[in-house]
Protein backbone atom coordinates (compact mmCIF):
# COMPACT_ATOMS: atom_id res chain seq x y z
CA MET A 1 -2.79 -1.04 -10.33
CA LEU A 2 0.00 -2.03 -12.74
CA GLN A 3 0.96 -4.78 -10.32
CA SER A 4 -2.62 -6.09 -10.36
CA ALA A 5 -2.54 -6.02 -14.17
CA GLN A 6 0.71 -7.96 -14.18
CA GLU A 7 -0.82 -10.55 -11.84
CA GLU A 8 -3.84 -10.87 -14.14
CA ALA A 9 -1.52 -11.42 -17.10
CA ALA A 10 0.37 -14.10 -15.15
CA ARG A 11 -2.91 -15.75 -14.11
CA LEU A 12 -3.86 -16.08 -17.78
CA GLY A 13 -0.40 -17.34 -18.70
CA HIS A 14 0.52 -14.18 -20.62
CA GLY A 15 4.00 -12.70 -20.57
CA GLN A 16 2.94 -9.24 -21.70
CA ILE A 17 0.53 -6.72 -20.14
CA THR A 18 -2.12 -5.50 -22.59
CA ALA A 19 -4.84 -2.85 -22.25
CA ASP A 20 -7.33 -5.57 -21.26
CA HIS A 21 -5.06 -6.69 -18.42
CA LEU A 22 -5.12 -3.05 -17.28
CA VAL A 23 -8.94 -3.22 -17.31
CA LEU A 24 -8.79 -6.31 -15.08
CA GLY A 25 -6.32 -4.53 -12.80
CA VAL A 26 -8.70 -1.58 -12.40
CA ILE A 27 -11.57 -3.90 -11.49
CA ARG A 28 -9.53 -5.70 -8.83
CA ASP A 29 -8.86 -2.69 -6.58
CA PRO A 30 -12.09 -2.00 -4.63
CA ALA A 31 -10.70 1.17 -3.04
CA SER A 32 -9.63 2.89 -6.26
CA VAL A 33 -11.21 6.04 -7.68
CA ALA A 34 -11.68 4.16 -10.96
CA ARG A 35 -13.91 1.54 -9.29
CA LEU A 36 -16.07 4.30 -7.80
CA VAL A 37 -16.33 5.95 -11.21
CA LEU A 38 -17.33 2.67 -12.87
CA GLY A 39 -20.05 2.33 -10.25
CA ARG A 40 -21.39 5.78 -11.13
CA LEU A 41 -21.37 4.79 -14.79
CA HIS A 42 -23.46 1.71 -13.88
CA VAL A 43 -20.94 -0.68 -15.39
CA ASN A 44 -21.56 -4.34 -14.55
CA LEU A 45 -18.12 -5.32 -13.27
CA ASP A 46 -18.69 -9.07 -13.60
CA GLU A 47 -19.64 -8.72 -17.27
CA LEU A 48 -16.71 -6.33 -17.85
CA ALA A 49 -14.30 -8.80 -16.22
CA ARG A 50 -15.56 -11.62 -18.45
CA ALA A 51 -15.26 -9.45 -21.57
CA ALA A 52 -11.74 -8.26 -20.66
CA THR A 53 -10.62 -11.82 -19.86
CA SER A 54 -12.00 -13.12 -23.16
CA ALA A 55 -10.37 -10.27 -25.10
CA ALA A 56 -7.02 -10.86 -23.37
CA ILE A 57 -7.15 -14.59 -24.10
CA ASN A 58 -8.09 -14.12 -27.76
CA ALA A 59 -5.55 -11.37 -28.44
CA THR A 60 -2.37 -12.19 -30.31
CA GLN A 61 0.43 -12.28 -27.74
CA GLU A 62 3.71 -10.64 -28.67
CA SER A 63 6.88 -12.59 -27.87
CA SER A 64 8.42 -9.85 -25.71
CA SER A 65 7.48 -9.25 -22.07
CA GLY A 66 6.54 -5.98 -20.33
CA LEU A 67 3.91 -3.57 -21.66
CA SER A 68 2.24 -4.10 -25.03
CA ALA A 69 1.73 -1.24 -27.49
CA THR A 70 -1.89 -0.83 -26.33
CA ALA A 71 -0.90 -0.73 -22.65
CA ARG A 72 1.83 1.84 -23.34
CA MET A 73 -0.69 3.98 -25.22
CA VAL A 74 -3.13 3.81 -22.28
CA ILE A 75 -0.41 4.98 -19.87
CA GLU A 76 0.70 7.79 -22.18
CA LEU A 77 -2.90 8.96 -22.53
CA ALA A 78 -3.31 8.75 -18.74
CA VAL A 79 -0.26 10.96 -18.21
CA GLU A 80 -1.64 13.39 -20.78
CA GLU A 81 -5.00 13.43 -18.95
CA ALA A 82 -3.30 14.09 -15.59
CA ARG A 83 -1.37 17.01 -17.03
CA ALA A 84 -4.48 18.45 -18.69
CA SER A 85 -6.27 18.22 -15.33
CA HIS A 86 -3.32 19.98 -13.59
CA HIS A 87 -2.89 16.99 -11.29
CA THR A 88 0.54 16.25 -9.82
CA TYR A 89 -0.05 12.49 -9.87
CA VAL A 90 -1.28 9.81 -12.26
CA GLY A 91 -4.14 7.93 -10.61
CA THR A 92 -6.51 5.14 -11.59
CA GLU A 93 -9.01 7.77 -12.75
CA HIS A 94 -6.52 8.97 -15.37
CA LEU A 95 -5.87 5.38 -16.45
CA LEU A 96 -9.62 4.96 -16.82
CA VAL A 97 -9.73 7.88 -19.25
CA GLY A 98 -6.70 6.43 -21.03
CA LEU A 99 -8.54 3.12 -21.47
CA VAL A 100 -11.61 4.86 -22.90
CA ARG A 101 -9.48 6.91 -25.29
CA GLU A 102 -7.39 3.92 -26.42
CA GLY A 103 -10.61 2.44 -27.79
CA THR A 104 -9.81 -1.23 -28.49
CA ASN A 105 -10.08 -2.70 -24.97
CA ALA A 106 -13.15 -4.26 -23.31
CA LEU A 107 -13.97 -1.17 -21.22
CA ALA A 108 -13.89 1.15 -24.23
CA GLN A 109 -16.11 -1.26 -26.15
CA THR A 110 -18.56 -1.44 -23.23
CA LEU A 111 -18.86 2.36 -23.00
CA GLN A 112 -19.40 3.03 -26.71
CA PRO A 113 -19.87 5.48 -28.41
CA ARG A 114 -16.42 6.72 -27.46
CA GLN A 115 -16.89 10.50 -27.49
CA GLU A 116 -20.00 10.31 -25.33
CA ALA A 117 -18.30 7.76 -23.08
CA LEU A 118 -15.32 10.06 -22.63
CA GLN A 119 -17.56 12.93 -21.59
CA ARG A 120 -19.56 10.78 -19.16
CA THR A 121 -16.36 9.28 -17.68
CA ARG A 122 -14.79 12.67 -17.06
CA GLY A 123 -18.03 13.90 -15.49
CA ALA A 124 -18.18 10.89 -13.14
CA ILE A 125 -14.52 11.40 -12.18
CA ALA A 126 -15.17 15.05 -11.32
CA THR A 127 -18.13 14.02 -9.15
CA VAL A 128 -16.17 11.34 -7.29
CA LEU A 129 -13.16 13.60 -6.68
CA SER A 130 -15.37 16.39 -5.37
CA GLU A 131 -16.93 14.17 -2.72
CA ALA A 132 -15.49 13.90 0.77
CA SER A 133 -12.12 12.18 0.66
CA ARG A 134 -12.05 8.61 1.84
CA ARG A 135 -9.92 7.58 4.78
CA PRO A 136 -6.48 6.49 3.54
CA MET A 137 -5.57 2.97 4.50
CA PRO A 138 -2.14 1.29 4.41
CA TRP A 139 -3.55 -1.45 2.18
CA ARG A 140 -4.51 0.05 -1.19
CA GLY A 141 -4.11 -3.23 -2.99
CA THR A 142 -4.40 -6.89 -2.04
CA SER A 143 -1.16 -8.15 -3.52
CA PRO A 144 0.39 -11.30 -2.10
CA MET A 145 3.16 -10.48 0.34
CA THR A 146 6.62 -12.00 0.61
CA ILE A 147 8.46 -11.68 3.89
CA GLY A 148 12.17 -11.04 3.46
CA VAL A 149 15.15 -10.84 5.78
CA GLY A 150 15.42 -7.47 7.47
CA THR A 151 18.53 -5.31 7.18
CA GLN A 152 19.80 -3.20 10.03
CA PRO A 153 18.16 0.24 9.74
CA GLU A 154 19.30 3.65 10.83
CA VAL A 155 17.01 3.61 13.88
CA PRO A 156 15.89 7.02 15.17
CA THR A 157 16.18 7.77 18.85
CA PRO A 158 13.40 5.82 20.56
CA GLY A 159 11.12 7.34 23.16
CA ARG A 160 8.03 5.93 24.77
CA THR A 161 4.81 7.88 24.61
CA THR A 162 2.65 7.79 27.72
CA ALA A 163 -0.21 9.98 26.59
CA ALA A 164 -2.52 10.09 23.66
CA ARG A 165 -1.06 11.61 20.53
CA VAL A 166 -1.89 15.24 19.90
CA ALA A 167 -2.08 16.29 16.24
CA PRO A 168 0.07 19.34 15.41
CA THR A 169 -1.74 22.59 14.85
CA SER A 170 -1.77 24.28 11.46
CA GLU A 171 0.52 26.99 12.88
CA GLU A 172 3.04 24.35 14.01
CA GLU A 173 2.94 22.71 10.60
CA GLU A 174 3.48 25.99 8.76
CA ARG A 175 6.42 26.80 11.03
CA LEU A 176 7.90 23.38 10.23
CA PHE A 177 7.61 24.00 6.47
CA GLU A 178 9.22 27.46 6.82
CA GLN A 179 12.08 26.08 8.92
CA LEU A 180 12.67 23.23 6.46
CA ARG A 181 12.73 25.63 3.53
CA ALA A 182 15.25 27.84 5.37
CA PHE A 183 17.37 24.75 6.04
CA LEU A 184 17.34 23.80 2.35
CA VAL A 185 18.51 27.31 1.46
CA ASP A 186 21.32 27.14 4.04
CA PRO A 187 21.95 23.71 5.62
CA THR A 188 24.36 25.26 8.13
CA SER A 189 21.54 27.24 9.69
CA GLY A 190 18.80 26.00 11.95
CA PRO A 191 16.41 27.27 14.59
CA PRO A 192 17.54 27.35 18.25
CA GLU A 193 16.50 24.26 20.18
CA SER A 194 13.90 26.22 22.16
CA GLU A 195 12.16 27.21 18.90
CA ALA A 196 12.74 24.03 16.88
CA GLY A 197 9.27 22.56 17.48
CA LEU A 198 8.40 19.88 14.91
CA PHE A 199 11.59 20.61 12.95
CA GLY A 200 13.56 19.37 15.96
CA ARG A 201 11.89 15.99 15.61
CA LEU A 202 13.38 15.39 12.15
CA SER A 203 16.42 13.13 12.34
CA ASP A 204 19.65 13.86 10.47
CA THR A 205 18.79 11.12 7.95
CA THR A 206 15.44 12.80 7.22
CA LEU A 207 17.09 16.18 6.68
CA GLN A 208 19.55 14.48 4.32
CA VAL A 209 16.61 12.94 2.41
CA PHE A 210 15.07 16.38 1.89
CA GLN A 211 18.43 17.86 0.87
CA SER A 212 18.72 15.12 -1.74
CA ALA A 213 15.10 15.73 -2.81
CA HIS A 214 15.99 19.42 -3.25
CA GLU A 215 18.97 18.45 -5.42
CA GLU A 216 16.80 16.12 -7.53
CA ALA A 217 14.22 18.88 -8.10
CA GLN A 218 17.03 21.16 -9.29
CA ARG A 219 18.40 18.35 -11.48
CA PHE A 220 15.02 18.11 -13.25
CA ALA A 221 14.57 21.91 -13.28
CA HIS A 222 11.32 21.51 -11.36
CA ASN A 223 10.13 24.54 -9.43
CA TYR A 224 8.67 22.42 -6.62
CA ILE A 225 9.58 19.47 -4.39
CA GLY A 226 6.97 16.73 -4.80
CA THR A 227 6.56 13.21 -3.51
CA GLU A 228 8.59 11.95 -6.47
CA HIS A 229 11.59 14.04 -5.39
CA ILE A 230 11.22 12.74 -1.82
CA LEU A 231 11.26 9.18 -3.21
CA LEU A 232 14.43 10.04 -5.14
CA GLY A 233 15.89 11.43 -1.92
CA LEU A 234 15.09 8.18 -0.11
CA ALA A 235 16.90 6.20 -2.81
CA HIS A 236 19.77 8.70 -3.17
CA ASP A 237 22.19 6.93 -0.82
CA PRO A 238 22.30 3.23 -1.85
CA GLN A 239 23.92 2.36 1.51
CA SER A 240 21.11 3.86 3.62
CA SER A 241 18.37 1.57 4.94
CA THR A 242 15.72 3.01 2.60
CA GLY A 243 18.14 3.08 -0.34
CA ARG A 244 19.00 -0.61 0.18
CA LEU A 245 15.36 -1.59 0.56
CA LEU A 246 14.25 0.22 -2.59
CA ARG A 247 17.22 -1.11 -4.56
CA ASP A 248 16.49 -4.70 -3.46
CA LEU A 249 12.92 -4.24 -4.75
CA GLY A 250 14.15 -3.08 -8.15
CA ALA A 251 13.55 0.62 -7.50
CA ASP A 252 17.09 1.98 -7.48
CA LEU A 253 17.96 5.62 -8.15
CA PRO A 254 18.46 5.39 -11.96
CA LYS A 255 15.15 3.53 -12.44
CA ILE A 256 13.24 6.01 -10.30
CA ARG A 257 14.79 8.93 -12.23
CA ASN A 258 13.77 7.35 -15.53
CA ALA A 259 10.22 6.79 -14.29
CA VAL A 260 9.92 10.38 -13.02
CA GLU A 261 11.18 11.76 -16.32
CA PHE A 262 8.71 9.56 -18.24
CA ILE A 263 5.74 10.65 -16.09
CA ILE A 264 6.36 14.38 -15.71
CA GLY A 265 9.38 15.28 -17.83
CA ARG A 266 11.94 18.01 -17.18
CA GLY A 267 11.59 21.76 -16.71
CA ASP A 268 12.64 24.07 -19.51
CA ARG A 269 14.75 26.57 -17.53
CA PRO A 270 17.12 26.61 -14.51
CA LEU A 271 15.57 27.50 -11.16
CA ALA A 272 16.03 30.99 -9.76
CA GLU A 273 15.01 30.15 -6.19
CA THR A 274 14.59 27.25 -3.78
CA PRO A 275 11.63 25.07 -4.84
CA ALA A 276 8.76 24.81 -2.37
CA LEU A 277 7.09 21.64 -1.08
CA THR A 278 3.87 20.67 -2.83
CA PRO A 279 0.78 20.01 -0.67
CA ARG A 280 1.29 16.26 -1.09
CA ALA A 281 4.96 16.50 -0.10
CA LYS A 282 3.92 18.45 3.00
CA LYS A 283 1.41 15.73 3.79
CA VAL A 284 4.16 13.09 3.51
CA LEU A 285 6.25 15.01 6.04
CA ILE A 286 3.35 15.27 8.53
CA LEU A 287 2.53 11.58 8.00
CA ALA A 288 6.19 10.70 8.71
CA LEU A 289 5.94 12.45 12.07
CA ASP A 290 2.65 10.64 12.72
CA GLU A 291 4.27 7.28 11.89
CA ALA A 292 7.05 8.05 14.39
CA ASP A 293 4.37 8.86 17.00
CA ARG A 294 2.54 5.62 16.31
CA LEU A 295 5.74 3.62 16.73
CA GLY A 296 6.77 5.45 19.91
CA HIS A 297 9.85 7.11 18.35
CA ALA A 298 10.96 10.57 19.42
CA GLN A 299 12.31 11.44 15.96
CA ALA A 300 11.12 10.81 12.41
CA GLY A 301 13.81 9.04 10.40
CA ALA A 302 14.07 8.16 6.72
CA GLU A 303 12.09 4.96 7.34
CA HIS A 304 9.17 7.00 8.68
CA VAL A 305 9.35 9.26 5.61
CA LEU A 306 9.05 6.20 3.34
CA LEU A 307 6.09 5.03 5.43
CA GLY A 308 4.60 8.48 4.89
CA VAL A 309 5.08 8.24 1.12
CA ILE A 310 3.24 4.89 1.11
CA ARG A 311 0.43 6.17 3.32
CA GLU A 312 -0.11 9.31 1.22
CA GLY A 313 -0.76 6.92 -1.64
CA GLU A 314 -1.85 9.32 -4.43
CA GLY A 315 1.22 11.32 -5.42
CA ILE A 316 3.65 10.80 -8.29
CA ALA A 317 5.83 8.70 -5.96
CA SER A 318 3.08 6.09 -5.68
CA GLY A 319 2.71 6.10 -9.47
CA VAL A 320 6.46 5.56 -9.82
CA LEU A 321 6.42 2.61 -7.41
CA GLU A 322 3.45 1.12 -9.28
CA SER A 323 5.19 1.57 -12.63
CA LEU A 324 8.21 -0.32 -11.25
CA VAL A 325 5.85 -3.05 -9.95
CA VAL A 326 6.89 -2.50 -6.33
CA ASN A 327 4.62 -3.96 -3.63
CA THR A 328 4.02 -1.16 -1.10
CA ASP A 329 2.46 -3.61 1.38
CA TRP A 330 5.78 -5.44 1.39
CA ILE A 331 7.72 -2.19 1.92
CA ARG A 332 5.59 -1.25 4.93
CA THR A 333 5.94 -4.70 6.50
CA GLN A 334 9.70 -4.77 5.91
CA LEU A 335 10.15 -1.28 7.38
CA LEU A 336 8.20 -2.19 10.52
CA GLU A 337 10.21 -5.38 10.78
CA ASN A 338 13.46 -3.41 10.44
CA LEU A 339 12.30 -0.93 13.07
CA GLY A 340 11.65 -3.76 15.52
CA GLN A 341 7.90 -3.21 15.54
CA VAL A 342 6.83 -6.56 14.12
CA GLN A 343 6.92 -9.23 16.81
CA VAL A 344 6.19 -12.91 16.50
CA PRO A 345 4.83 -15.37 19.04
CA PRO A 346 7.12 -17.97 20.64
CA THR A 347 5.89 -20.68 18.25
CA LEU A 348 7.35 -19.01 15.12
CA ALA A 349 9.63 -21.99 14.40
CA ARG A 350 6.50 -24.11 14.02
CA VAL A 351 4.86 -21.71 11.54
CA SER A 352 5.42 -21.90 7.76
CA ARG A 353 6.37 -18.97 5.56
CA GLY A 354 2.75 -18.42 4.54
CA GLY A 355 1.60 -18.61 8.15
CA ARG A 356 4.23 -16.11 9.19
CA GLY A 357 3.03 -13.74 6.48
CA ALA A 358 -0.49 -13.94 7.90
CA LEU A 359 0.78 -13.15 11.42
CA LEU A 360 2.66 -10.09 10.16
CA GLN A 361 -0.41 -8.92 8.25
CA ALA A 362 -2.49 -9.32 11.44
CA GLN A 363 -0.05 -7.07 13.31
CA LEU A 364 -0.28 -4.42 10.60
CA VAL A 365 -4.07 -4.42 11.00
CA ALA A 366 -3.86 -4.12 14.79
CA ARG A 367 -1.33 -1.29 14.61
CA TRP A 368 -3.34 0.68 12.07
CA TYR A 369 -6.42 0.60 14.31
CA TYR A 370 -4.40 1.45 17.47
CA HIS A 371 -5.28 -1.89 19.02
CA ALA A 372 -2.88 -2.83 21.79
CA GLN A 373 -2.89 -6.57 21.04
CA VAL A 374 -3.44 -8.96 18.16
CA ASP A 375 -6.67 -10.93 18.73
CA THR A 376 -8.31 -13.70 16.72
CA GLU A 377 -10.22 -11.22 14.52
CA HIS A 378 -6.91 -9.63 13.48
CA LEU A 379 -5.64 -13.12 12.63
CA LEU A 380 -8.70 -13.69 10.43
CA VAL A 381 -8.11 -10.45 8.48
CA GLY A 382 -4.40 -11.29 8.24
CA LEU A 383 -5.21 -14.72 6.80
CA VAL A 384 -7.38 -13.15 4.10
CA ARG A 385 -4.73 -10.57 3.24
CA GLU A 386 -1.93 -13.13 3.08
CA ARG A 387 -3.81 -14.91 0.25
CA GLY A 388 -2.69 -18.48 0.97
CA VAL A 389 -4.84 -21.60 1.24
CA ALA A 390 -7.00 -20.04 3.97
CA ALA A 391 -7.74 -16.98 1.85
CA ARG A 392 -8.64 -19.09 -1.19
CA VAL A 393 -11.08 -21.20 0.84
CA LEU A 394 -12.72 -18.12 2.37
CA HIS A 395 -12.92 -16.42 -1.04
CA ASP A 396 -14.62 -19.49 -2.55
CA LEU A 397 -17.17 -19.31 0.29
CA GLY A 398 -17.92 -15.67 -0.54
CA VAL A 399 -15.68 -13.89 2.00
CA GLU A 400 -14.22 -10.76 0.35
CA LEU A 401 -11.62 -8.55 2.03
CA ARG A 402 -13.62 -5.36 1.55
CA ALA A 403 -16.75 -6.76 3.25
CA LEU A 404 -14.67 -8.34 6.00
CA LEU A 405 -12.99 -5.00 6.77
CA GLU A 406 -16.35 -3.19 6.87
CA HIS A 407 -17.67 -5.58 9.53
CA PHE A 408 -14.29 -5.60 11.33
CA GLU A 409 -14.35 -1.79 11.62
CA ALA A 410 -17.93 -1.86 12.91
CA LEU A 411 -17.09 -4.41 15.63
CA THR A 412 -13.61 -3.15 16.56
CA PRO A 413 -13.33 0.56 15.67
CA ALA A 414 -10.00 2.38 15.72
CA ASP A 415 -9.03 3.55 19.21
CA THR A 416 -7.27 6.78 18.19
CA GLY A 417 -7.22 8.07 21.76
CA ARG A 418 -5.00 5.21 22.89
CA PRO A 419 -1.23 5.85 23.25
CA ALA A 420 0.79 4.46 20.36
CA PRO A 421 1.47 0.78 21.17
CA ILE A 422 5.13 -0.02 21.86
CA GLY A 423 5.51 -3.50 20.46
CA LEU A 424 2.32 -5.44 19.92
CA GLY A 425 1.51 -8.53 21.91
CA TYR A 426 -0.97 -11.36 21.37
CA THR A 427 -4.10 -11.97 23.42
CA LEU A 428 -4.43 -15.30 25.17
CA ALA A 429 -7.05 -16.28 22.59
CA ALA A 430 -4.70 -15.47 19.69
CA GLN A 431 -1.85 -17.38 21.31
CA ALA A 432 -4.18 -20.33 21.88
CA ALA A 433 -5.23 -20.19 18.21
CA ILE A 434 -1.58 -20.33 17.08
CA GLU A 435 -0.87 -23.23 19.46
CA ARG A 436 -3.95 -25.00 18.14
CA ALA A 437 -2.63 -24.48 14.58
CA SER A 438 0.58 -26.29 15.55
CA TRP A 439 -1.51 -29.11 17.01
CA GLU A 440 -3.53 -29.31 13.77
CA ALA A 441 -0.27 -29.65 11.83
CA ASP A 442 0.98 -32.35 14.25
CA GLN A 443 -2.23 -34.34 13.73
CA ARG A 444 -1.44 -34.48 10.02
CA SER A 445 2.27 -35.29 10.57
CA GLN A 446 3.31 -31.92 9.17
CA ALA A 447 6.32 -30.05 10.50
CA ARG A 448 4.89 -26.52 10.30
CA ALA A 449 1.54 -24.82 10.60
CA GLY A 450 0.48 -22.95 7.46
CA SER A 451 -2.34 -20.51 6.85
CA GLY A 452 -4.88 -23.35 6.63
CA HIS A 453 -3.88 -24.69 10.05
CA LEU A 454 -4.03 -21.16 11.48
CA LEU A 455 -7.57 -20.77 10.17
CA LEU A 456 -8.55 -24.03 11.90
CA GLY A 457 -6.92 -22.68 15.07
CA VAL A 458 -8.90 -19.43 14.88
CA LEU A 459 -12.15 -21.36 14.40
CA ALA A 460 -11.42 -23.64 17.36
CA ILE A 461 -10.95 -20.87 19.95
CA GLU A 462 -13.94 -19.30 21.66
CA GLY A 463 -13.99 -15.58 22.36
CA GLY A 464 -13.16 -12.58 20.21
CA HIS A 465 -15.19 -11.29 17.28
CA VAL A 466 -14.54 -14.06 14.75
CA PRO A 467 -17.94 -15.79 15.23
CA ASP A 468 -19.73 -12.44 14.78
CA LEU A 469 -17.68 -11.60 11.69
CA LEU A 470 -18.42 -14.95 10.06
CA ALA A 471 -22.12 -14.66 10.94
CA HIS A 472 -22.28 -11.21 9.30
CA LEU A 473 -20.59 -12.65 6.21
CA GLY A 474 -22.98 -15.59 6.07
CA VAL A 475 -20.43 -18.39 6.33
CA SER A 476 -20.34 -21.11 8.98
CA PRO A 477 -17.24 -22.59 10.68
CA GLU A 478 -18.42 -26.05 9.61
CA ALA A 479 -18.46 -25.04 5.94
CA ILE A 480 -14.95 -23.60 6.26
CA ARG A 481 -13.59 -26.76 7.89
CA GLU A 482 -15.20 -28.96 5.25
CA ALA A 483 -13.73 -26.92 2.38
CA LEU A 484 -10.33 -26.59 4.05
CA GLU A 485 -9.65 -30.19 5.05
CA PRO A 486 -8.82 -31.58 1.57
CA LEU A 487 -6.28 -28.78 1.00
CA LEU A 488 -4.14 -29.33 4.11
CA SER A 489 -1.75 -31.79 2.50
CA SER A 490 0.99 -29.19 2.06
CA GLU A 491 3.19 -27.98 4.91
CA GLU A 492 3.23 -24.53 3.30
CA SER A 493 -0.55 -24.10 3.22
């Protein structure tokens, strides 16, 4: 959410994030708890966005960059709210309370009087959190993605899966947690191979991550190992693949330590025994094994653990990454690229940077839904998520990512019974769409096909679910072509 707020500040030409930019950041994330709470409070989001934008524009901008005094106060109040609620994370719902309590921003003014607003907000949060949990998705935000150059990872031992994945039983999971705790007490010990079970699927790098997480918990005098300690463990060795990746994104070990201390502080006495994993940390570990399964790897390495941290999405680790303005979409894409799971069609040399970003996003969508190949409908979702020229045109025509995904899921549901795909391919229709994009670029004497050309390619190919998706969204291919044509003057569209 902080990243969204920063983007809103940049959009308005502001160097500093204020409380009203935080309001705009909350509004932008359709999957956040805060958005659901605002819906229960019957807040008109369009009017709130206009009020927050006006307040941000009219506010006196300080010369320094970073967080303004009002934004810092909101975050401090959010941390205080999380602690008072006995939550081990700082979520958008806590930031919502922080905004109401801060009092000067557009949201607080909309929900006046403050004391009554605070009571109603907390009541709505309790209602939302008590409802059935929503399915976690790898895309929690819609931040623009930058594709970087992959570094050589510590690749776990690969192994192809030939049958559908079987989720571990609760007994197997509990045995794993007991064996990991015993290992942290005495790293020289370990279960015999015949009894290793899930523990035997943890690579040496993963065990080292949890040893480092244990050390970080002791360093902070925390009597538990949470997602924040796992994140510290992933960054502990700056020469490891995850350590390098986090450092390159500006989330090195000292910065993560500072963020953890700011959010939750230090314990007041040395630990007498080995700290236990929190429920969220346990979930990260199980998700890491699931990520390895999905990618066809026999062992879960440090990269899979970082994927698990991102997928869990609600722990302190996610709050730390947000506070450091780290794009988790980018991390996931880079990790999959490093692990050799992101493949590109033969025409990559003819595709621009923005077009390549859309192709990688399309593969992420296909992999999440267990689809064996990337089809034209995946390309359409990837184009919207990449947020280039194609996404801007579709947005102006009323195509929103949330609505697109709802119709996409209805037409192409997740095939969870399918074996984890080992390297995604492209359907003939998708390949034809990419070739058509290159032809569209050639017709305009442009060297590379960008996202706009790819959108034209998708529209030109029959088959797949794209026509149905566009019909559900109420937009015609002709309207898209007409709006797109004037914008195709750039090779990097």
